[in-house]
Amino acid sequence: MKKEKTADNVRPFKLVHQILSLTGISFERKSIIGFVELTIVPVKETLKIIRLNCRQCRIYRVILNDSYEATFHYFDPFLDICQDNKTKSLEVFSKCHLEMAKKTDPDNNAGELVIVVPEQATHLIGEGRGLRIGIEFSLEDPSGGVHFVIPEGEGTMEERAAHMFTYGHENSSRLWFPCVDSYA
């Protein structure tokens, strides 16, 4: 059941462009180092918090318009799913999972990565004006979103045909890079 949109839960920006650059790939460590740049257009001039989707990643830096460092907070509610419940059952897990999914639904202005627009950068926020968000990140030994295939045997990674691939099911982009993980 989809939550009805109100002024509080409508995403306060539109994503207009995104560039993903993988700057380092290590098959030995099953890791990726990357940079993503999202261009958003604020819907309101009061935008102070930007919520994005991102799981399994380590975030190093967030910068706005190549000039302003932004503070950020990362939380993944799925890491602690059902930890407080005494009853362990599929029904309890399913209910908890749904609650956690709502806490990160990009269509309801939610996400795992919360970026705070610094006071000195508020002049960049204007209705209809683009704002670039640059994010440096890494990912190591992911359990979803991107899959590393390293065949057993002798020889180099190339000789062993090591490769990686992504698979696109709903909400899988957030598993390997910061984004707005929505079809809308």
N, C-alpha and C. Protein backbone atom coordinates (compact mmCIF):
# COMPACT_ATOMS: atom_id res chain seq x y z
N MET A 1 0.84 -1.17 0.00
CA MET A 1 0.00 0.00 0.00
C MET A 1 0.89 1.24 0.00
N LYS A 2 0.71 2.10 -0.99
CA LYS A 2 1.51 3.30 -1.14
C LYS A 2 0.98 4.40 -0.22
N LYS A 3 1.91 5.06 0.45
CA LYS A 3 1.55 6.16 1.35
C LYS A 3 1.13 7.36 0.51
N GLU A 4 0.07 8.04 0.92
CA GLU A 4 -0.38 9.21 0.21
C GLU A 4 0.64 10.33 0.35
N LYS A 5 0.90 11.02 -0.75
CA LYS A 5 1.90 12.08 -0.73
C LYS A 5 1.35 13.33 -0.05
N THR A 6 2.16 13.89 0.84
CA THR A 6 1.84 15.15 1.50
C THR A 6 3.01 16.09 1.25
N ALA A 7 2.88 17.32 1.69
CA ALA A 7 3.96 18.29 1.51
C ALA A 7 5.24 17.84 2.20
N ASP A 8 5.11 17.07 3.29
CA ASP A 8 6.28 16.63 4.04
C ASP A 8 7.04 15.48 3.39
N ASN A 9 6.33 14.64 2.63
CA ASN A 9 7.02 13.46 2.12
C ASN A 9 7.25 13.47 0.61
N VAL A 10 6.98 14.57 -0.06
CA VAL A 10 7.28 14.68 -1.48
C VAL A 10 8.74 15.07 -1.63
N ARG A 11 9.44 14.40 -2.53
CA ARG A 11 10.86 14.71 -2.74
C ARG A 11 10.98 16.19 -3.15
N PRO A 12 11.82 16.96 -2.45
CA PRO A 12 11.90 18.41 -2.69
C PRO A 12 12.81 18.80 -3.86
N PHE A 13 13.13 17.84 -4.71
CA PHE A 13 13.96 18.11 -5.88
C PHE A 13 13.65 17.10 -6.97
N LYS A 14 14.05 17.46 -8.18
CA LYS A 14 13.96 16.54 -9.32
C LYS A 14 15.38 16.19 -9.74
N LEU A 15 15.62 14.92 -9.95
CA LEU A 15 16.91 14.48 -10.49
C LEU A 15 16.86 14.66 -11.99
N VAL A 16 17.81 15.42 -12.55
CA VAL A 16 17.80 15.66 -13.99
C VAL A 16 18.94 14.96 -14.72
N HIS A 17 20.00 14.61 -13.98
CA HIS A 17 21.14 13.95 -14.64
C HIS A 17 22.00 13.26 -13.59
N GLN A 18 22.62 12.15 -14.00
CA GLN A 18 23.53 11.46 -13.09
C GLN A 18 24.66 10.85 -13.90
N ILE A 19 25.88 11.02 -13.39
CA ILE A 19 27.07 10.42 -13.99
C ILE A 19 27.70 9.51 -12.94
N LEU A 20 28.01 8.29 -13.33
CA LEU A 20 28.69 7.34 -12.45
C LEU A 20 30.03 7.02 -13.07
N SER A 21 31.09 7.22 -12.32
CA SER A 21 32.44 6.93 -12.79
C SER A 21 33.10 5.95 -11.82
N LEU A 22 33.47 4.79 -12.34
CA LEU A 22 34.20 3.81 -11.53
C LEU A 22 35.68 4.08 -11.74
N THR A 23 36.34 4.60 -10.72
CA THR A 23 37.74 5.01 -10.85
C THR A 23 38.72 3.92 -10.46
N GLY A 24 38.23 2.87 -9.82
CA GLY A 24 39.09 1.75 -9.45
C GLY A 24 38.28 0.49 -9.23
N ILE A 25 38.75 -0.61 -9.80
CA ILE A 25 38.10 -1.91 -9.60
C ILE A 25 39.18 -2.90 -9.22
N SER A 26 38.98 -3.60 -8.10
CA SER A 26 39.92 -4.63 -7.66
C SER A 26 39.18 -5.95 -7.58
N PHE A 27 39.57 -6.89 -8.45
CA PHE A 27 38.96 -8.21 -8.40
C PHE A 27 39.47 -9.00 -7.20
N GLU A 28 40.71 -8.74 -6.81
CA GLU A 28 41.28 -9.43 -5.65
C GLU A 28 40.49 -9.13 -4.38
N ARG A 29 40.12 -7.87 -4.21
CA ARG A 29 39.38 -7.45 -3.00
C ARG A 29 37.87 -7.39 -3.24
N LYS A 30 37.46 -7.63 -4.47
CA LYS A 30 36.05 -7.49 -4.86
C LYS A 30 35.55 -6.11 -4.44
N SER A 31 36.27 -5.10 -4.91
CA SER A 31 35.95 -3.73 -4.49
C SER A 31 35.91 -2.77 -5.66
N ILE A 32 35.20 -1.68 -5.43
CA ILE A 32 35.05 -0.60 -6.41
C ILE A 32 35.30 0.71 -5.69
N ILE A 33 36.00 1.61 -6.34
CA ILE A 33 36.11 2.99 -5.89
C ILE A 33 35.45 3.81 -6.98
N GLY A 34 34.61 4.77 -6.58
CA GLY A 34 33.89 5.51 -7.59
C GLY A 34 33.53 6.92 -7.18
N PHE A 35 32.99 7.62 -8.15
CA PHE A 35 32.52 8.98 -7.97
C PHE A 35 31.20 9.09 -8.72
N VAL A 36 30.23 9.70 -8.09
CA VAL A 36 28.95 9.92 -8.74
C VAL A 36 28.63 11.40 -8.66
N GLU A 37 28.09 11.93 -9.75
CA GLU A 37 27.65 13.33 -9.75
C GLU A 37 26.18 13.35 -10.15
N LEU A 38 25.36 13.85 -9.25
CA LEU A 38 23.94 13.99 -9.52
C LEU A 38 23.64 15.47 -9.71
N THR A 39 22.87 15.79 -10.73
CA THR A 39 22.40 17.16 -10.91
C THR A 39 20.91 17.15 -10.57
N ILE A 40 20.58 17.97 -9.59
CA ILE A 40 19.18 18.06 -9.17
C ILE A 40 18.68 19.48 -9.39
N VAL A 41 17.37 19.61 -9.50
CA VAL A 41 16.74 20.92 -9.55
C VAL A 41 15.77 20.99 -8.37
N PRO A 42 16.04 21.88 -7.41
CA PRO A 42 15.15 22.00 -6.26
C PRO A 42 13.74 22.43 -6.68
N VAL A 43 12.75 21.86 -6.04
CA VAL A 43 11.36 22.22 -6.27
C VAL A 43 10.99 23.40 -5.37
N LYS A 44 11.68 23.50 -4.23
CA LYS A 44 11.45 24.58 -3.28
C LYS A 44 12.78 25.27 -2.98
N GLU A 45 12.72 26.55 -2.69
CA GLU A 45 13.94 27.29 -2.35
C GLU A 45 14.38 27.05 -0.91
N THR A 46 13.62 26.28 -0.17
CA THR A 46 13.93 26.01 1.24
C THR A 46 14.68 24.69 1.42
N LEU A 47 15.20 24.12 0.35
CA LEU A 47 15.89 22.83 0.42
C LEU A 47 17.13 22.93 1.32
N LYS A 48 17.13 22.19 2.41
CA LYS A 48 18.26 22.19 3.33
C LYS A 48 18.83 20.78 3.52
N ILE A 49 18.02 19.77 3.24
CA ILE A 49 18.40 18.36 3.39
C ILE A 49 18.13 17.64 2.07
N ILE A 50 19.11 16.87 1.63
CA ILE A 50 18.96 16.06 0.41
C ILE A 50 19.10 14.60 0.83
N ARG A 51 18.09 13.81 0.55
CA ARG A 51 18.12 12.39 0.91
C ARG A 51 18.30 11.55 -0.35
N LEU A 52 19.32 10.68 -0.30
CA LEU A 52 19.61 9.79 -1.43
C LEU A 52 19.62 8.35 -0.94
N ASN A 53 19.60 7.44 -1.89
CA ASN A 53 19.68 6.02 -1.56
C ASN A 53 21.10 5.54 -1.73
N CYS A 54 21.54 4.69 -0.80
CA CYS A 54 22.90 4.16 -0.84
C CYS A 54 23.04 3.10 0.24
N ARG A 55 23.36 1.88 -0.17
CA ARG A 55 23.59 0.81 0.80
C ARG A 55 24.90 0.12 0.46
N GLN A 56 25.52 -0.46 1.44
CA GLN A 56 26.76 -1.23 1.32
C GLN A 56 27.99 -0.37 1.00
N CYS A 57 27.82 0.92 0.78
CA CYS A 57 28.93 1.79 0.37
C CYS A 57 29.53 2.52 1.56
N ARG A 58 30.77 2.91 1.40
CA ARG A 58 31.44 3.81 2.34
C ARG A 58 31.54 5.16 1.62
N ILE A 59 31.02 6.19 2.24
CA ILE A 59 31.03 7.53 1.66
C ILE A 59 32.21 8.29 2.25
N TYR A 60 33.01 8.90 1.38
CA TYR A 60 34.18 9.64 1.83
C TYR A 60 33.96 11.15 1.81
N ARG A 61 33.25 11.63 0.80
CA ARG A 61 33.15 13.07 0.63
C ARG A 61 31.90 13.41 -0.18
N VAL A 62 31.26 14.51 0.21
CA VAL A 62 30.14 15.06 -0.56
C VAL A 62 30.45 16.53 -0.80
N ILE A 63 30.37 16.94 -2.06
CA ILE A 63 30.69 18.33 -2.41
C ILE A 63 29.61 18.87 -3.34
N LEU A 64 29.21 20.12 -3.10
CA LEU A 64 28.17 20.76 -3.89
C LEU A 64 28.80 21.75 -4.87
N ASN A 65 28.42 21.65 -6.13
CA ASN A 65 28.92 22.53 -7.21
C ASN A 65 30.44 22.67 -7.19
N ASP A 66 31.15 21.62 -6.87
CA ASP A 66 32.62 21.59 -6.84
C ASP A 66 33.24 22.58 -5.87
N SER A 67 32.45 23.17 -4.97
CA SER A 67 32.97 24.24 -4.11
C SER A 67 32.70 24.08 -2.63
N TYR A 68 31.60 23.46 -2.27
CA TYR A 68 31.19 23.44 -0.86
C TYR A 68 31.10 22.02 -0.33
N GLU A 69 31.93 21.73 0.68
CA GLU A 69 31.87 20.43 1.35
C GLU A 69 30.57 20.37 2.15
N ALA A 70 29.87 19.27 2.04
CA ALA A 70 28.62 19.10 2.78
C ALA A 70 28.79 17.99 3.81
N THR A 71 28.21 18.19 4.98
CA THR A 71 28.21 17.11 5.96
C THR A 71 27.11 16.13 5.56
N PHE A 72 27.30 14.89 5.97
CA PHE A 72 26.33 13.87 5.61
C PHE A 72 26.22 12.86 6.74
N HIS A 73 25.10 12.18 6.75
CA HIS A 73 24.84 11.12 7.72
C HIS A 73 24.39 9.90 6.93
N TYR A 74 24.89 8.75 7.33
CA TYR A 74 24.53 7.51 6.65
C TYR A 74 23.89 6.57 7.67
N PHE A 75 22.76 6.03 7.31
CA PHE A 75 22.16 5.01 8.17
C PHE A 75 21.46 3.99 7.27
N ASP A 76 21.60 2.75 7.63
CA ASP A 76 20.95 1.67 6.89
C ASP A 76 20.05 0.93 7.87
N PRO A 77 18.75 1.23 7.88
CA PRO A 77 17.87 0.61 8.86
C PRO A 77 17.76 -0.91 8.71
N PHE A 78 18.12 -1.43 7.54
CA PHE A 78 18.04 -2.88 7.33
C PHE A 78 19.11 -3.64 8.12
N LEU A 79 20.16 -2.95 8.56
CA LEU A 79 21.21 -3.62 9.32
C LEU A 79 20.72 -4.11 10.67
N ASP A 80 19.78 -3.41 11.25
CA ASP A 80 19.27 -3.77 12.58
C ASP A 80 17.86 -4.33 12.55
N ILE A 81 17.44 -4.82 11.41
CA ILE A 81 16.06 -5.29 11.28
C ILE A 81 15.76 -6.39 12.30
N CYS A 82 14.70 -6.22 13.00
CA CYS A 82 14.19 -7.20 14.00
C CYS A 82 15.14 -7.45 15.17
N GLN A 83 16.11 -6.62 15.41
CA GLN A 83 17.04 -6.86 16.51
C GLN A 83 16.38 -6.71 17.88
N ASP A 84 15.38 -5.84 17.96
CA ASP A 84 14.74 -5.58 19.25
C ASP A 84 13.59 -6.53 19.56
N ASN A 85 13.15 -7.27 18.58
CA ASN A 85 11.98 -8.13 18.78
C ASN A 85 12.36 -9.44 19.46
N LYS A 86 11.55 -9.81 20.42
CA LYS A 86 11.75 -11.09 21.12
C LYS A 86 11.26 -12.25 20.25
N THR A 87 10.20 -12.00 19.48
CA THR A 87 9.63 -13.04 18.63
C THR A 87 10.33 -13.05 17.28
N LYS A 88 10.87 -14.18 16.91
CA LYS A 88 11.54 -14.33 15.62
C LYS A 88 10.64 -15.20 14.74
N SER A 89 9.99 -14.56 13.77
CA SER A 89 9.12 -15.29 12.85
C SER A 89 9.11 -14.56 11.52
N LEU A 90 8.66 -15.24 10.49
CA LEU A 90 8.57 -14.64 9.17
C LEU A 90 7.58 -13.49 9.17
N GLU A 91 6.51 -13.62 9.92
CA GLU A 91 5.51 -12.56 9.99
C GLU A 91 6.10 -11.29 10.61
N VAL A 92 6.83 -11.44 11.70
CA VAL A 92 7.47 -10.29 12.36
C VAL A 92 8.53 -9.69 11.44
N PHE A 93 9.34 -10.54 10.81
CA PHE A 93 10.37 -10.05 9.89
C PHE A 93 9.74 -9.28 8.74
N SER A 94 8.68 -9.81 8.15
CA SER A 94 8.01 -9.17 7.03
C SER A 94 7.49 -7.79 7.41
N LYS A 95 6.89 -7.69 8.59
CA LYS A 95 6.38 -6.40 9.07
C LYS A 95 7.53 -5.41 9.28
N CYS A 96 8.60 -5.87 9.92
CA CYS A 96 9.77 -5.01 10.16
C CYS A 96 10.42 -4.58 8.85
N HIS A 97 10.51 -5.50 7.90
CA HIS A 97 11.12 -5.20 6.60
C HIS A 97 10.33 -4.11 5.88
N LEU A 98 9.01 -4.20 5.91
CA LEU A 98 8.17 -3.19 5.28
C LEU A 98 8.38 -1.82 5.93
N GLU A 99 8.46 -1.79 7.25
CA GLU A 99 8.70 -0.53 7.96
C GLU A 99 10.05 0.08 7.58
N MET A 100 11.07 -0.75 7.48
CA MET A 100 12.40 -0.26 7.10
C MET A 100 12.40 0.24 5.65
N ALA A 101 11.70 -0.45 4.77
CA ALA A 101 11.62 -0.03 3.37
C ALA A 101 10.97 1.34 3.26
N LYS A 102 9.98 1.62 4.07
CA LYS A 102 9.32 2.93 4.06
C LYS A 102 10.29 4.02 4.49
N LYS A 103 11.21 3.69 5.40
CA LYS A 103 12.18 4.68 5.90
C LYS A 103 13.21 5.06 4.84
N THR A 104 13.30 4.31 3.75
CA THR A 104 14.30 4.62 2.72
C THR A 104 13.67 4.79 1.34
N ASP A 105 12.35 4.94 1.26
CA ASP A 105 11.65 5.06 -0.02
C ASP A 105 11.91 6.43 -0.64
N PRO A 106 12.60 6.48 -1.78
CA PRO A 106 12.92 7.78 -2.38
C PRO A 106 11.68 8.55 -2.83
N ASP A 107 10.60 7.86 -3.14
CA ASP A 107 9.39 8.54 -3.56
C ASP A 107 8.65 9.20 -2.40
N ASN A 108 9.09 8.90 -1.18
CA ASN A 108 8.52 9.54 0.01
C ASN A 108 9.56 10.41 0.71
N ASN A 109 10.49 10.96 -0.06
CA ASN A 109 11.54 11.84 0.46
C ASN A 109 12.31 11.18 1.60
N ALA A 110 12.76 9.96 1.37
CA ALA A 110 13.53 9.23 2.37
C ALA A 110 14.75 8.62 1.69
N GLY A 111 15.72 8.19 2.49
CA GLY A 111 16.92 7.57 1.94
C GLY A 111 17.92 7.29 3.03
N GLU A 112 18.91 6.47 2.69
CA GLU A 112 19.94 6.08 3.65
C GLU A 112 21.02 7.15 3.82
N LEU A 113 21.24 7.96 2.80
CA LEU A 113 22.27 9.00 2.83
C LEU A 113 21.60 10.37 2.94
N VAL A 114 21.85 11.05 4.05
CA VAL A 114 21.24 12.36 4.31
C VAL A 114 22.33 13.41 4.21
N ILE A 115 22.18 14.31 3.25
CA ILE A 115 23.17 15.37 3.00
C ILE A 115 22.60 16.69 3.50
N VAL A 116 23.40 17.39 4.30
CA VAL A 116 22.99 18.68 4.85
C VAL A 116 23.63 19.78 4.01
N VAL A 117 22.79 20.63 3.43
CA VAL A 117 23.31 21.75 2.63
C VAL A 117 23.93 22.75 3.60
N PRO A 118 25.25 23.04 3.43
CA PRO A 118 25.90 23.98 4.36
C PRO A 118 25.33 25.40 4.23
N GLU A 119 25.34 26.10 5.34
CA GLU A 119 24.80 27.46 5.38
C GLU A 119 25.40 28.35 4.29
N GLN A 120 26.72 28.23 4.07
CA GLN A 120 27.38 29.08 3.08
C GLN A 120 27.02 28.71 1.64
N ALA A 121 26.29 27.59 1.45
CA ALA A 121 25.92 27.16 0.10
C ALA A 121 24.43 27.34 -0.18
N THR A 122 23.69 27.92 0.75
CA THR A 122 22.25 28.06 0.53
C THR A 122 21.92 28.96 -0.65
N HIS A 123 22.84 29.84 -1.02
CA HIS A 123 22.59 30.70 -2.19
C HIS A 123 22.55 29.90 -3.49
N LEU A 124 23.06 28.67 -3.47
CA LEU A 124 23.02 27.81 -4.65
C LEU A 124 21.63 27.24 -4.90
N ILE A 125 20.82 27.23 -3.85
CA ILE A 125 19.49 26.64 -3.93
C ILE A 125 18.53 27.67 -4.50
N GLY A 126 17.96 27.36 -5.62
CA GLY A 126 16.97 28.23 -6.23
C GLY A 126 16.01 27.38 -7.04
N GLU A 127 14.75 27.71 -6.98
CA GLU A 127 13.77 26.95 -7.72
C GLU A 127 14.10 27.01 -9.21
N GLY A 128 14.26 25.86 -9.82
CA GLY A 128 14.56 25.79 -11.24
C GLY A 128 16.04 25.87 -11.59
N ARG A 129 16.91 26.08 -10.59
CA ARG A 129 18.36 26.15 -10.83
C ARG A 129 19.01 24.83 -10.49
N GLY A 130 19.87 24.34 -11.35
CA GLY A 130 20.53 23.06 -11.12
C GLY A 130 21.58 23.13 -10.01
N LEU A 131 21.69 22.05 -9.26
CA LEU A 131 22.69 21.92 -8.20
C LEU A 131 23.40 20.59 -8.41
N ARG A 132 24.73 20.61 -8.49
CA ARG A 132 25.51 19.39 -8.69
C ARG A 132 25.99 18.85 -7.34
N ILE A 133 25.77 17.57 -7.13
CA ILE A 133 26.20 16.90 -5.90
C ILE A 133 27.23 15.85 -6.29
N GLY A 134 28.47 16.03 -5.86
CA GLY A 134 29.52 15.06 -6.13
C GLY A 134 29.77 14.20 -4.90
N ILE A 135 29.84 12.88 -5.10
CA ILE A 135 30.01 11.96 -3.98
C ILE A 135 31.11 10.96 -4.30
N GLU A 136 32.14 10.93 -3.43
CA GLU A 136 33.20 9.93 -3.54
C GLU A 136 32.82 8.75 -2.65
N PHE A 137 32.92 7.53 -3.19
CA PHE A 137 32.49 6.36 -2.43
C PHE A 137 33.32 5.14 -2.78
N SER A 138 33.19 4.11 -1.95
CA SER A 138 33.78 2.81 -2.26
C SER A 138 32.82 1.72 -1.82
N LEU A 139 33.08 0.54 -2.32
CA LEU A 139 32.23 -0.62 -2.06
C LEU A 139 33.14 -1.83 -2.01
N GLU A 140 33.00 -2.65 -0.99
CA GLU A 140 33.85 -3.83 -0.88
C GLU A 140 33.02 -5.08 -0.60
N ASP A 141 33.25 -6.11 -1.38
CA ASP A 141 32.59 -7.42 -1.25
C ASP A 141 31.08 -7.27 -1.11
N PRO A 142 30.42 -6.69 -2.13
CA PRO A 142 28.98 -6.46 -2.05
C PRO A 142 28.18 -7.76 -2.05
N SER A 143 27.04 -7.72 -1.38
CA SER A 143 26.16 -8.89 -1.36
C SER A 143 25.01 -8.76 -2.35
N GLY A 144 24.97 -7.65 -3.08
CA GLY A 144 23.92 -7.46 -4.08
C GLY A 144 24.21 -6.25 -4.94
N GLY A 145 23.47 -6.13 -6.05
CA GLY A 145 23.62 -4.99 -6.95
C GLY A 145 24.67 -5.19 -8.02
N VAL A 146 25.86 -5.56 -7.60
CA VAL A 146 26.96 -5.87 -8.53
C VAL A 146 27.57 -7.19 -8.04
N HIS A 147 27.93 -8.03 -8.99
CA HIS A 147 28.43 -9.36 -8.63
C HIS A 147 29.81 -9.57 -9.26
N PHE A 148 30.78 -9.94 -8.44
CA PHE A 148 32.12 -10.27 -8.91
C PHE A 148 32.21 -11.77 -9.15
N VAL A 149 32.71 -12.16 -10.32
CA VAL A 149 32.89 -13.58 -10.65
C VAL A 149 34.39 -13.82 -10.79
N ILE A 150 34.95 -14.63 -9.90
CA ILE A 150 36.38 -14.93 -9.90
C ILE A 150 36.54 -16.45 -9.97
N PRO A 151 36.74 -16.98 -11.16
CA PRO A 151 36.89 -18.43 -11.29
C PRO A 151 38.12 -18.95 -10.54
N GLU A 152 37.99 -20.14 -9.98
CA GLU A 152 39.10 -20.81 -9.30
C GLU A 152 40.15 -21.21 -10.34
N GLY A 153 41.37 -21.35 -9.89
CA GLY A 153 42.40 -21.85 -10.79
C GLY A 153 43.66 -21.02 -10.74
N GLU A 154 44.59 -21.43 -11.58
CA GLU A 154 45.89 -20.76 -11.68
C GLU A 154 45.83 -19.64 -12.71
N GLY A 155 46.77 -18.73 -12.62
CA GLY A 155 46.89 -17.67 -13.61
C GLY A 155 46.39 -16.34 -13.08
N THR A 156 46.53 -15.34 -13.95
CA THR A 156 46.10 -13.99 -13.59
C THR A 156 44.57 -13.90 -13.63
N MET A 157 44.06 -12.82 -13.12
CA MET A 157 42.61 -12.60 -13.15
C MET A 157 42.12 -12.60 -14.60
N GLU A 158 42.90 -11.99 -15.48
CA GLU A 158 42.52 -11.94 -16.89
C GLU A 158 42.49 -13.35 -17.49
N GLU A 159 43.52 -14.14 -17.20
CA GLU A 159 43.58 -15.51 -17.73
C GLU A 159 42.44 -16.36 -17.17
N ARG A 160 42.01 -16.08 -15.97
CA ARG A 160 40.92 -16.83 -15.35
C ARG A 160 39.55 -16.26 -15.72
N ALA A 161 39.53 -15.23 -16.55
CA ALA A 161 38.29 -14.60 -17.03
C ALA A 161 37.45 -13.99 -15.89
N ALA A 162 38.15 -13.37 -14.93
CA ALA A 162 37.42 -12.68 -13.85
C ALA A 162 36.61 -11.54 -14.47
N HIS A 163 35.42 -11.35 -13.98
CA HIS A 163 34.57 -10.28 -14.48
C HIS A 163 33.55 -9.91 -13.40
N MET A 164 32.82 -8.85 -13.68
CA MET A 164 31.76 -8.44 -12.78
C MET A 164 30.57 -8.01 -13.62
N PHE A 165 29.40 -8.06 -13.02
CA PHE A 165 28.21 -7.62 -13.73
C PHE A 165 27.20 -7.07 -12.73
N THR A 166 26.30 -6.26 -13.26
CA THR A 166 25.22 -5.72 -12.44
C THR A 166 23.93 -6.40 -12.86
N TYR A 167 22.98 -6.38 -11.97
CA TYR A 167 21.68 -6.90 -12.33
C TYR A 167 20.64 -5.92 -11.83
N GLY A 168 19.66 -5.68 -12.66
CA GLY A 168 18.72 -4.61 -12.37
C GLY A 168 17.35 -5.07 -11.95
N HIS A 169 17.18 -5.28 -10.68
CA HIS A 169 15.83 -5.42 -10.18
C HIS A 169 15.55 -4.20 -9.32
N GLU A 170 14.30 -4.04 -8.95
CA GLU A 170 13.90 -2.85 -8.20
C GLU A 170 14.78 -2.65 -6.96
N ASN A 171 15.21 -1.43 -6.76
CA ASN A 171 16.05 -1.03 -5.61
C ASN A 171 17.43 -1.66 -5.61
N SER A 172 17.96 -2.05 -6.75
CA SER A 172 19.30 -2.66 -6.76
C SER A 172 20.41 -1.65 -7.06
N SER A 173 20.08 -0.51 -7.64
CA SER A 173 21.12 0.49 -7.92
C SER A 173 21.75 1.00 -6.64
N ARG A 174 20.92 1.26 -5.62
CA ARG A 174 21.41 1.77 -4.35
C ARG A 174 22.41 0.83 -3.69
N LEU A 175 22.42 -0.44 -4.11
CA LEU A 175 23.32 -1.41 -3.49
C LEU A 175 24.77 -1.25 -3.92
N TRP A 176 25.02 -0.43 -4.96
CA TRP A 176 26.42 -0.28 -5.36
C TRP A 176 26.83 1.13 -5.74
N PHE A 177 25.92 2.11 -5.69
CA PHE A 177 26.33 3.51 -5.84
C PHE A 177 25.22 4.43 -5.31
N PRO A 178 25.59 5.63 -4.83
CA PRO A 178 24.59 6.59 -4.34
C PRO A 178 23.71 7.07 -5.49
N CYS A 179 22.40 7.14 -5.26
CA CYS A 179 21.47 7.50 -6.33
C CYS A 179 20.11 7.85 -5.74
N VAL A 180 19.18 8.18 -6.64
CA VAL A 180 17.76 8.23 -6.31
C VAL A 180 17.21 6.96 -6.93
N ASP A 181 16.98 5.96 -6.13
CA ASP A 181 16.63 4.62 -6.62
C ASP A 181 15.12 4.50 -6.83
N SER A 182 14.65 5.15 -7.89
CA SER A 182 13.22 5.20 -8.15
C SER A 182 12.98 5.27 -9.65
N TYR A 183 11.85 4.76 -10.07
CA TYR A 183 11.47 4.88 -11.48
C TYR A 183 10.83 6.23 -11.75
N ALA A 184 10.37 6.91 -10.71
CA ALA A 184 9.65 8.18 -10.87
C ALA A 184 10.60 9.32 -11.12
